[in-house]
Amino acid sequence: MVVLYKQGRMTYYESTETAKSMEASSKIAVEAVANVRTVASLGRENTFRDEYAKNLKPALDLAKRASHLRGLVFGLSRGIFNFVMAAAIYYGGTLIVNEEVEFQVVFQSAQALLMGSSGAAQAFAFAPNFQKGIQAAGRIITLLGRQSKIVDPVHPTANNFSGSGQASLQNVQFRYPTRPNIQVLKDFNLEIERGKTVALVGASGCGKSTVIQLLQRYYDPNEGIVAQDSLPLPKLKLVDVRKSIGFVQQEPILFDRTIGENIAYGSITNATMDSIIEAAQQANIHNFITSLPLGYDTNIGSKGTQLSGGQKQRVAIARALIRRPKMLLLDEATSALDTESEKVVQEALDAAKAGRTCVMIAHRLSTVRDANLICVVHDGQVAEMGTHAELFKLKGLYYNLNRVQYS
């Protein structure tokens, strides 16, 4: 029993630590495979191979120790089993010779002992699996027990709410949960009018992308109110908050499906082929799609690897437009493109913004000049606000950003 207990403790520890080791090594392998061209161009194949092996070594060492213990337990259990059987046969033979019992009784006793010992041996053999099951179940239970802090309200202010495109942030204070000591937004105030284009500009890390995430309620502010149509987002169902918003980011995330399926994923309801084509036309990608042999049934590969950057971005725009959003959020949607691709994508974005509220983050200031309102975000606050002409006259932060970019 002492050996069995020791084996159980060892198996539980081995399973836990092996899972950690396998997780770390798997991350390295997945990252290397997903970015195989970058790894090859840098000549870092051996580096990633060595890191992979290094992270697997703890699992290998634990497996060796566990194998030695399992061998000891197996040998001990078989030895005990054979010893008990030999002792029983010897004792039974002695009883038969002394005519104290009949052969049939000894035979039945030996059979019962054989079955019981076999069951005990199996219990020894399955003990490691039992401990592995406990360890695995513990991880699953922990995962299932996690509760998101962003949930639907028990009593929503409005059912089937559909935003008009108006939104606001009032006295918002925000820190990311993983960085509680860093104040990202400080008394942030912004009024987004329906049908207007609002541009957020500023240095990297000033809080622009955080505003986009708060508008979609990926987080709740620590203090202050984020609202649509004057209704605080926590008072609305999550699906209602997001169904009227279309989001296009700098590096679009596309799935290993057909072009048509990727566009259809943006639809709130089951998308028809007509609605997919309409969205593609609005995104200026329809002609390219129809030029392909399989058209909308063309598979684009993992993360859209079969498409260029501009083509991926226009598919993402079509995916955002198919839900007919009242508000369009653009997080540096053209900053990663070359000049030619940027021009085509910008034309698609200009068409998409027509008649919609648009909140855009831009690194290239030339793309925000026509915005109805430009907000310069500095140190987590709106430092300057106005049109391009108004801000240029101030010769403040916006003026300096332009001067640095075009100097």
Protein backbone atom coordinates (compact mmCIF):
# COMPACT_ATOMS: atom_id res chain seq x y z
CA MET A 1 0.00 0.00 0.00
CA VAL A 2 2.90 2.34 0.75
CA VAL A 3 4.37 1.69 -2.70
CA LEU A 4 0.95 2.16 -4.32
CA TYR A 5 0.47 5.47 -2.49
CA LYS A 6 3.94 6.60 -3.53
CA GLN A 7 3.20 5.66 -7.13
CA GLY A 8 -0.08 7.59 -7.06
CA ARG A 9 1.60 10.74 -5.75
CA MET A 10 4.37 10.40 -8.31
CA THR A 11 1.93 9.86 -11.16
CA TYR A 12 -0.15 12.90 -10.21
CA TYR A 13 2.96 15.10 -10.03
CA GLU A 14 4.28 13.67 -13.30
CA SER A 15 0.97 14.29 -15.09
CA THR A 16 0.77 17.89 -13.88
CA GLU A 17 4.35 18.80 -14.74
CA THR A 18 4.27 16.89 -18.04
CA ALA A 19 1.16 18.80 -19.10
CA LYS A 20 2.96 22.09 -18.39
CA SER A 21 6.02 20.95 -20.32
CA MET A 22 3.97 19.74 -23.28
CA GLU A 23 1.99 22.98 -23.34
CA ALA A 24 5.15 25.09 -23.45
CA SER A 25 6.77 22.99 -26.17
CA SER A 26 3.56 22.88 -28.21
CA LYS A 27 3.37 26.69 -28.19
CA ILE A 28 6.89 26.86 -29.60
CA ALA A 29 6.11 24.28 -32.29
CA VAL A 30 2.85 25.95 -33.33
CA GLU A 31 4.50 29.37 -33.44
CA ALA A 32 7.41 28.07 -35.52
CA VAL A 33 5.15 26.26 -38.00
CA ALA A 34 2.76 29.20 -38.33
CA ASN A 35 5.68 31.52 -39.07
CA VAL A 36 7.87 29.04 -40.92
CA ARG A 37 8.98 31.51 -43.60
CA THR A 38 10.10 34.05 -41.02
CA VAL A 39 11.96 31.36 -39.09
CA ALA A 40 13.66 30.18 -42.28
CA SER A 41 14.57 33.68 -43.43
CA LEU A 42 16.19 34.37 -40.06
CA GLY A 43 18.02 31.04 -40.12
CA ARG A 44 16.57 30.15 -36.72
CA GLU A 45 15.45 26.58 -37.37
CA ASN A 46 18.01 25.19 -34.91
CA THR A 47 17.08 27.79 -32.30
CA PHE A 48 13.43 26.78 -32.30
CA ARG A 49 14.36 23.09 -32.41
CA ASP A 50 16.60 23.52 -29.36
CA GLU A 51 13.94 25.51 -27.49
CA TYR A 52 11.38 22.81 -28.30
CA ALA A 53 13.72 20.08 -27.01
CA LYS A 54 14.59 22.14 -23.92
CA ASN A 55 10.93 22.48 -22.97
CA LEU A 56 10.34 18.76 -23.52
CA LYS A 57 13.29 17.67 -21.36
CA PRO A 58 11.44 18.02 -18.01
CA ALA A 59 8.71 15.74 -19.37
CA LEU A 60 11.33 13.23 -20.51
CA ASP A 61 13.09 13.24 -17.14
CA LEU A 62 9.81 12.79 -15.29
CA ALA A 63 8.80 9.96 -17.63
CA LYS A 64 12.07 8.14 -16.88
CA ARG A 65 11.57 8.45 -13.11
CA ALA A 66 7.95 7.38 -13.40
CA SER A 67 8.91 4.40 -15.58
CA HIS A 68 11.36 3.17 -12.96
CA LEU A 69 8.68 3.41 -10.28
CA ARG A 70 6.10 1.68 -12.48
CA GLY A 71 8.57 -1.11 -13.17
CA LEU A 72 9.17 -1.51 -9.44
CA VAL A 73 5.45 -1.59 -8.69
CA PHE A 74 4.76 -4.06 -11.50
CA GLY A 75 7.57 -6.37 -10.41
CA LEU A 76 6.51 -6.11 -6.78
CA SER A 77 2.86 -6.82 -7.56
CA ARG A 78 3.71 -9.85 -9.72
CA GLY A 79 6.18 -11.07 -7.10
CA ILE A 80 3.58 -10.81 -4.33
CA PHE A 81 1.02 -12.53 -6.53
CA ASN A 82 3.33 -15.45 -7.32
CA PHE A 83 4.47 -15.72 -3.70
CA VAL A 84 0.89 -15.85 -2.42
CA MET A 85 -0.05 -18.46 -5.01
CA ALA A 86 3.00 -20.59 -4.18
CA ALA A 87 2.32 -20.33 -0.45
CA ALA A 88 -1.35 -21.23 -0.96
CA ILE A 89 -0.51 -24.25 -3.09
CA TYR A 90 2.12 -25.42 -0.57
CA TYR A 91 -0.25 -24.99 2.35
CA GLY A 92 -3.11 -26.66 0.48
CA GLY A 93 -0.88 -29.56 -0.47
CA THR A 94 0.11 -29.97 3.16
CA LEU A 95 -3.55 -30.07 4.20
CA ILE A 96 -4.35 -32.68 1.55
CA VAL A 97 -1.40 -34.88 2.59
CA ASN A 98 -2.53 -34.69 6.21
CA GLU A 99 -6.06 -35.53 5.01
CA GLU A 100 -7.44 -32.43 6.73
CA VAL A 101 -9.29 -31.21 3.61
CA GLU A 102 -10.29 -32.65 0.27
CA PHE A 103 -8.58 -31.75 -3.00
CA GLN A 104 -11.77 -30.09 -4.31
CA VAL A 105 -11.76 -27.57 -1.43
CA VAL A 106 -8.12 -26.67 -2.03
CA PHE A 107 -8.76 -26.31 -5.77
CA GLN A 108 -11.75 -24.00 -5.19
CA SER A 109 -9.75 -21.92 -2.71
CA ALA A 110 -6.88 -21.62 -5.18
CA GLN A 111 -9.28 -20.48 -7.91
CA ALA A 112 -10.80 -17.84 -5.61
CA LEU A 113 -7.33 -16.66 -4.61
CA LEU A 114 -6.31 -16.51 -8.27
CA MET A 115 -9.29 -14.34 -9.20
CA GLY A 116 -8.83 -12.06 -6.20
CA SER A 117 -5.11 -11.66 -6.81
CA SER A 118 -5.74 -10.93 -10.47
CA GLY A 119 -8.14 -8.14 -9.51
CA ALA A 120 -5.62 -6.70 -7.07
CA ALA A 121 -2.91 -6.80 -9.75
CA GLN A 122 -5.17 -4.93 -12.16
CA ALA A 123 -5.85 -2.33 -9.48
CA PHE A 124 -2.10 -1.80 -9.17
CA ALA A 125 -1.80 -1.53 -12.96
CA PHE A 126 -4.62 1.02 -13.32
CA ALA A 127 -3.55 3.19 -10.38
CA PRO A 128 -1.42 5.52 -12.60
CA ASN A 129 -4.33 6.05 -14.98
CA PHE A 130 -6.59 6.90 -12.06
CA GLN A 131 -4.18 9.61 -10.91
CA LYS A 132 -3.84 10.95 -14.46
CA GLY A 133 -7.62 11.11 -14.66
CA ILE A 134 -7.79 13.11 -11.43
CA GLN A 135 -5.18 15.56 -12.73
CA ALA A 136 -6.89 15.97 -16.11
CA ALA A 137 -10.32 16.34 -14.56
CA GLY A 138 -9.00 19.01 -12.21
CA ARG A 139 -7.79 21.11 -15.16
CA ILE A 140 -11.10 20.71 -16.99
CA ILE A 141 -13.16 21.57 -13.91
CA THR A 142 -11.01 24.68 -13.35
CA LEU A 143 -11.53 25.73 -16.96
CA LEU A 144 -15.28 25.13 -16.90
CA GLY A 145 -15.55 26.97 -13.61
CA ARG A 146 -14.11 30.20 -14.96
CA GLN A 147 -16.68 32.95 -15.17
CA SER A 148 -16.46 35.88 -17.57
CA LYS A 149 -16.89 39.30 -16.01
CA ILE A 150 -18.54 40.53 -19.21
CA VAL A 151 -22.02 39.01 -19.10
CA ASP A 152 -25.56 39.86 -20.13
CA PRO A 153 -27.61 41.85 -17.61
CA VAL A 154 -30.30 39.95 -15.71
CA HIS A 155 -32.86 42.55 -16.73
CA PRO A 156 -31.81 44.32 -19.96
CA THR A 157 -32.92 47.91 -20.40
CA ALA A 158 -34.09 47.10 -23.93
CA ASN A 159 -34.80 43.82 -25.69
CA ASN A 160 -33.69 43.42 -29.32
CA PHE A 161 -31.92 46.76 -29.04
CA SER A 162 -30.56 48.07 -32.32
CA GLY A 163 -28.19 51.01 -32.01
CA SER A 164 -28.48 54.04 -34.25
CA GLY A 165 -24.72 54.62 -34.43
CA GLN A 166 -24.52 57.14 -31.59
CA ALA A 167 -22.12 56.37 -28.74
CA SER A 168 -20.31 58.09 -25.91
CA LEU A 169 -17.61 57.63 -23.29
CA GLN A 170 -18.12 59.69 -20.15
CA ASN A 171 -15.41 60.19 -17.50
CA VAL A 172 -13.96 56.78 -18.31
CA GLN A 173 -11.14 55.41 -16.16
CA PHE A 174 -9.63 52.15 -17.33
CA ARG A 175 -6.84 49.73 -16.44
CA TYR A 176 -6.35 46.33 -18.06
CA PRO A 177 -6.86 43.45 -15.59
CA THR A 178 -3.41 42.06 -16.42
CA ARG A 179 -1.79 45.48 -15.81
CA PRO A 180 -3.68 46.93 -12.85
CA ASN A 181 -0.94 49.44 -12.01
CA ILE A 182 -1.02 51.15 -15.42
CA GLN A 183 -3.75 53.75 -15.99
CA VAL A 184 -4.65 53.53 -19.70
CA LEU A 185 -7.56 55.99 -19.84
CA LYS A 186 -7.96 58.93 -17.44
CA ASP A 187 -11.23 60.85 -17.33
CA PHE A 188 -11.72 60.06 -21.01
CA ASN A 189 -14.67 61.85 -22.62
CA LEU A 190 -15.86 61.46 -26.19
CA GLU A 191 -19.21 62.04 -27.89
CA ILE A 192 -19.67 60.13 -31.16
CA GLU A 193 -22.53 61.56 -33.21
CA ARG A 194 -24.64 59.46 -35.52
CA GLY A 195 -23.40 59.38 -39.12
CA LYS A 196 -20.17 61.23 -38.34
CA THR A 197 -16.58 60.09 -38.81
CA VAL A 198 -14.41 60.40 -35.70
CA ALA A 199 -10.66 59.84 -35.99
CA LEU A 200 -8.44 58.95 -33.03
CA VAL A 201 -4.77 59.83 -33.47
CA GLY A 202 -1.82 59.86 -31.14
CA ALA A 203 1.36 58.05 -30.18
CA SER A 204 1.44 54.28 -29.79
CA GLY A 205 0.13 53.12 -26.42
CA CYS A 206 -1.88 56.25 -25.67
CA GLY A 207 -5.19 54.34 -25.43
CA LYS A 208 -6.71 54.55 -28.93
CA SER A 209 -7.29 50.82 -29.41
CA THR A 210 -8.62 50.59 -25.86
CA VAL A 211 -11.46 52.94 -26.85
CA ILE A 212 -12.35 50.57 -29.72
CA GLN A 213 -12.43 47.61 -27.34
CA LEU A 214 -14.60 49.44 -24.81
CA LEU A 215 -17.11 50.38 -27.53
CA GLN A 216 -17.50 46.65 -28.29
CA ARG A 217 -17.63 45.84 -24.57
CA TYR A 218 -14.71 43.49 -24.50
CA TYR A 219 -14.02 45.21 -21.18
CA ASP A 220 -15.98 47.39 -18.79
CA PRO A 221 -14.40 50.62 -17.54
CA ASN A 222 -13.21 50.78 -13.94
CA GLU A 223 -15.13 54.03 -13.63
CA GLY A 224 -17.33 56.05 -15.94
CA ILE A 225 -19.89 55.09 -18.58
CA VAL A 226 -19.65 53.72 -22.12
CA ALA A 227 -23.02 53.97 -23.86
CA GLN A 228 -24.91 53.49 -27.10
CA ASP A 229 -27.84 55.84 -27.67
CA SER A 230 -27.38 57.03 -24.06
CA LEU A 231 -27.88 53.47 -22.74
CA PRO A 232 -24.92 52.11 -20.70
CA LEU A 233 -23.53 49.01 -22.41
CA PRO A 234 -23.77 46.79 -19.26
CA LYS A 235 -27.55 47.38 -19.38
CA LEU A 236 -27.75 45.85 -22.89
CA LYS A 237 -27.31 42.30 -24.13
CA LEU A 238 -23.87 41.65 -25.59
CA VAL A 239 -25.31 40.47 -28.90
CA ASP A 240 -27.31 43.71 -29.14
CA VAL A 241 -24.23 45.82 -28.38
CA ARG A 242 -22.18 44.17 -31.11
CA LYS A 243 -24.70 43.41 -33.83
CA SER A 244 -24.82 47.02 -34.99
CA ILE A 245 -21.01 47.33 -35.08
CA GLY A 246 -18.68 46.34 -37.91
CA PHE A 247 -15.01 45.98 -37.00
CA VAL A 248 -11.97 45.97 -39.31
CA GLN A 249 -8.52 45.69 -37.77
CA GLN A 250 -4.98 46.17 -39.02
CA GLU A 251 -4.28 42.47 -39.54
CA PRO A 252 -7.58 40.78 -40.48
CA ILE A 253 -8.26 37.35 -39.02
CA LEU A 254 -9.63 35.07 -41.72
CA PHE A 255 -10.50 31.40 -41.39
CA ASP A 256 -9.45 28.35 -43.39
CA ARG A 257 -12.72 28.36 -45.30
CA THR A 258 -14.00 29.65 -48.62
CA ILE A 259 -14.18 33.35 -49.41
CA GLY A 260 -17.97 33.18 -49.31
CA GLU A 261 -18.00 31.51 -45.90
CA ASN A 262 -15.57 34.08 -44.47
CA ILE A 263 -17.81 36.93 -45.62
CA ALA A 264 -20.95 35.16 -44.37
CA TYR A 265 -19.50 34.84 -40.86
CA GLY A 266 -20.15 38.55 -40.39
CA SER A 267 -23.89 38.18 -40.89
CA ILE A 268 -26.17 38.20 -37.87
CA THR A 269 -28.64 35.88 -39.63
CA ASN A 270 -28.06 33.16 -42.21
CA ALA A 271 -26.44 34.98 -45.12
CA THR A 272 -27.80 34.55 -48.63
CA MET A 273 -25.59 34.45 -51.69
CA ASP A 274 -27.08 37.76 -52.81
CA SER A 275 -26.12 39.44 -49.53
CA ILE A 276 -22.58 38.01 -49.75
CA ILE A 277 -22.16 39.36 -53.28
CA GLU A 278 -23.60 42.74 -52.28
CA ALA A 279 -21.12 43.05 -49.39
CA ALA A 280 -18.24 42.02 -51.66
CA GLN A 281 -19.24 44.65 -54.22
CA GLN A 282 -19.33 47.33 -51.53
CA ALA A 283 -15.87 46.24 -50.40
CA ASN A 284 -14.51 46.43 -53.96
CA ILE A 285 -13.53 42.73 -53.97
CA HIS A 286 -16.31 41.14 -56.08
CA ASN A 287 -14.50 41.42 -59.42
CA PHE A 288 -11.39 39.77 -58.03
CA ILE A 289 -13.42 36.92 -56.52
CA THR A 290 -15.30 36.22 -59.75
CA SER A 291 -11.99 36.12 -61.65
CA LEU A 292 -10.96 33.06 -59.62
CA PRO A 293 -11.77 29.60 -61.07
CA LEU A 294 -13.89 28.66 -58.04
CA GLY A 295 -15.14 32.18 -57.32
CA TYR A 296 -16.71 32.49 -53.89
CA ASP A 297 -15.98 28.78 -53.25
CA THR A 298 -12.22 29.42 -53.30
CA ASN A 299 -10.53 28.29 -50.09
CA ILE A 300 -8.20 30.99 -48.79
CA GLY A 301 -6.02 28.81 -46.55
CA SER A 302 -5.11 29.26 -42.91
CA LYS A 303 -5.30 32.96 -41.95
CA GLY A 304 -5.95 33.82 -45.59
CA THR A 305 -2.45 32.90 -46.76
CA GLN A 306 -3.67 32.48 -50.36
CA LEU A 307 -4.60 36.17 -50.56
CA SER A 308 -2.54 39.35 -50.62
CA GLY A 309 -2.73 41.86 -47.78
CA GLY A 310 -5.09 44.15 -49.68
CA GLN A 311 -7.33 41.27 -50.73
CA LYS A 312 -7.56 39.97 -47.17
CA GLN A 313 -8.44 43.42 -45.92
CA ARG A 314 -11.23 43.83 -48.47
CA VAL A 315 -12.67 40.42 -47.56
CA ALA A 316 -12.63 41.59 -43.93
CA ILE A 317 -14.41 44.80 -44.94
CA ALA A 318 -17.07 42.77 -46.78
CA ARG A 319 -17.48 40.61 -43.66
CA ALA A 320 -18.04 43.75 -41.59
CA LEU A 321 -20.50 45.25 -44.08
CA ILE A 322 -22.71 42.19 -44.56
CA ARG A 323 -24.39 42.84 -41.21
CA ARG A 324 -25.25 46.38 -42.35
CA PRO A 325 -23.69 47.99 -39.26
CA LYS A 326 -24.74 51.39 -38.00
CA MET A 327 -21.20 51.96 -36.68
CA LEU A 328 -17.91 51.01 -38.33
CA LEU A 329 -14.76 50.66 -36.22
CA LEU A 330 -11.46 50.81 -38.12
CA ASP A 331 -8.28 50.06 -36.19
CA GLU A 332 -5.43 51.15 -38.49
CA ALA A 333 -7.09 49.25 -41.33
CA THR A 334 -4.61 50.38 -44.00
CA SER A 335 -1.36 50.90 -42.10
CA ALA A 336 0.09 47.48 -42.99
CA LEU A 337 -0.53 47.81 -46.75
CA ASP A 338 1.66 49.01 -49.58
CA THR A 339 0.74 52.22 -51.39
CA GLU A 340 -1.14 50.54 -54.24
CA SER A 341 -3.12 48.21 -51.96
CA GLU A 342 -3.82 51.06 -49.55
CA LYS A 343 -5.40 53.10 -52.33
CA VAL A 344 -7.78 50.27 -53.31
CA VAL A 345 -8.68 49.47 -49.68
CA GLN A 346 -9.13 53.15 -48.83
CA GLU A 347 -11.61 53.50 -51.70
CA ALA A 348 -13.54 50.55 -50.25
CA LEU A 349 -13.47 52.11 -46.79
CA ASP A 350 -14.63 55.48 -48.08
CA ALA A 351 -17.60 53.77 -49.71
CA ALA A 352 -18.28 51.77 -46.55
CA LYS A 353 -18.30 54.87 -44.34
CA ALA A 354 -21.03 56.57 -46.35
CA GLY A 355 -24.16 56.96 -44.22
CA ARG A 356 -22.58 55.28 -41.20
CA THR A 357 -20.95 56.37 -37.98
CA CYS A 358 -17.26 55.64 -38.22
CA VAL A 359 -14.61 55.58 -35.50
CA MET A 360 -11.18 55.16 -37.01
CA ILE A 361 -7.66 54.85 -35.65
CA ALA A 362 -5.03 55.94 -38.11
CA HIS A 363 -1.27 56.06 -38.13
CA ARG A 364 -1.11 57.76 -41.51
CA LEU A 365 -2.59 61.17 -40.83
CA SER A 366 -3.41 61.73 -44.50
CA THR A 367 -6.32 59.29 -44.08
CA VAL A 368 -8.06 61.35 -41.36
CA ARG A 369 -8.06 64.82 -42.90
CA ASP A 370 -11.67 64.53 -44.05
CA ALA A 371 -12.96 63.27 -40.68
CA ASN A 372 -15.76 65.29 -39.09
CA LEU A 373 -13.90 65.20 -35.79
CA ILE A 374 -10.26 64.44 -35.03
CA CYS A 375 -9.37 63.59 -31.42
CA VAL A 376 -5.75 63.67 -30.34
CA VAL A 377 -5.32 61.14 -27.54
CA HIS A 378 -2.42 61.85 -25.21
CA ASP A 379 -1.64 60.17 -21.91
CA GLY A 380 -5.06 58.49 -21.78
CA GLN A 381 -7.07 61.67 -22.39
CA VAL A 382 -8.50 63.66 -25.28
CA ALA A 383 -5.92 66.45 -25.46
CA GLU A 384 -7.19 68.16 -28.64
CA MET A 385 -10.40 67.93 -30.63
CA GLY A 386 -11.60 69.49 -33.88
CA THR A 387 -11.35 69.33 -37.66
CA HIS A 388 -8.06 69.08 -39.51
CA ALA A 389 -8.06 72.81 -40.25
CA GLU A 390 -8.96 73.78 -36.69
CA LEU A 391 -6.29 71.60 -35.12
CA PHE A 392 -3.66 72.74 -37.57
CA LYS A 393 -4.27 76.34 -36.56
CA LEU A 394 -3.67 75.45 -32.91
CA LYS A 395 -0.14 74.32 -33.73
CA GLY A 396 -0.33 71.86 -30.86
CA LEU A 397 0.00 68.07 -30.66
CA TYR A 398 -1.80 67.37 -33.94
CA TYR A 399 0.31 69.94 -35.76
CA ASN A 400 3.49 68.38 -34.37
CA LEU A 401 2.37 64.86 -35.33
CA ASN A 402 1.87 66.02 -38.91
CA ARG A 403 5.17 67.84 -38.97
CA VAL A 404 7.06 64.78 -37.72
CA GLN A 405 5.31 62.45 -40.16
CA TYR A 406 5.84 64.58 -43.24
CA SER A 407 9.25 66.01 -42.42
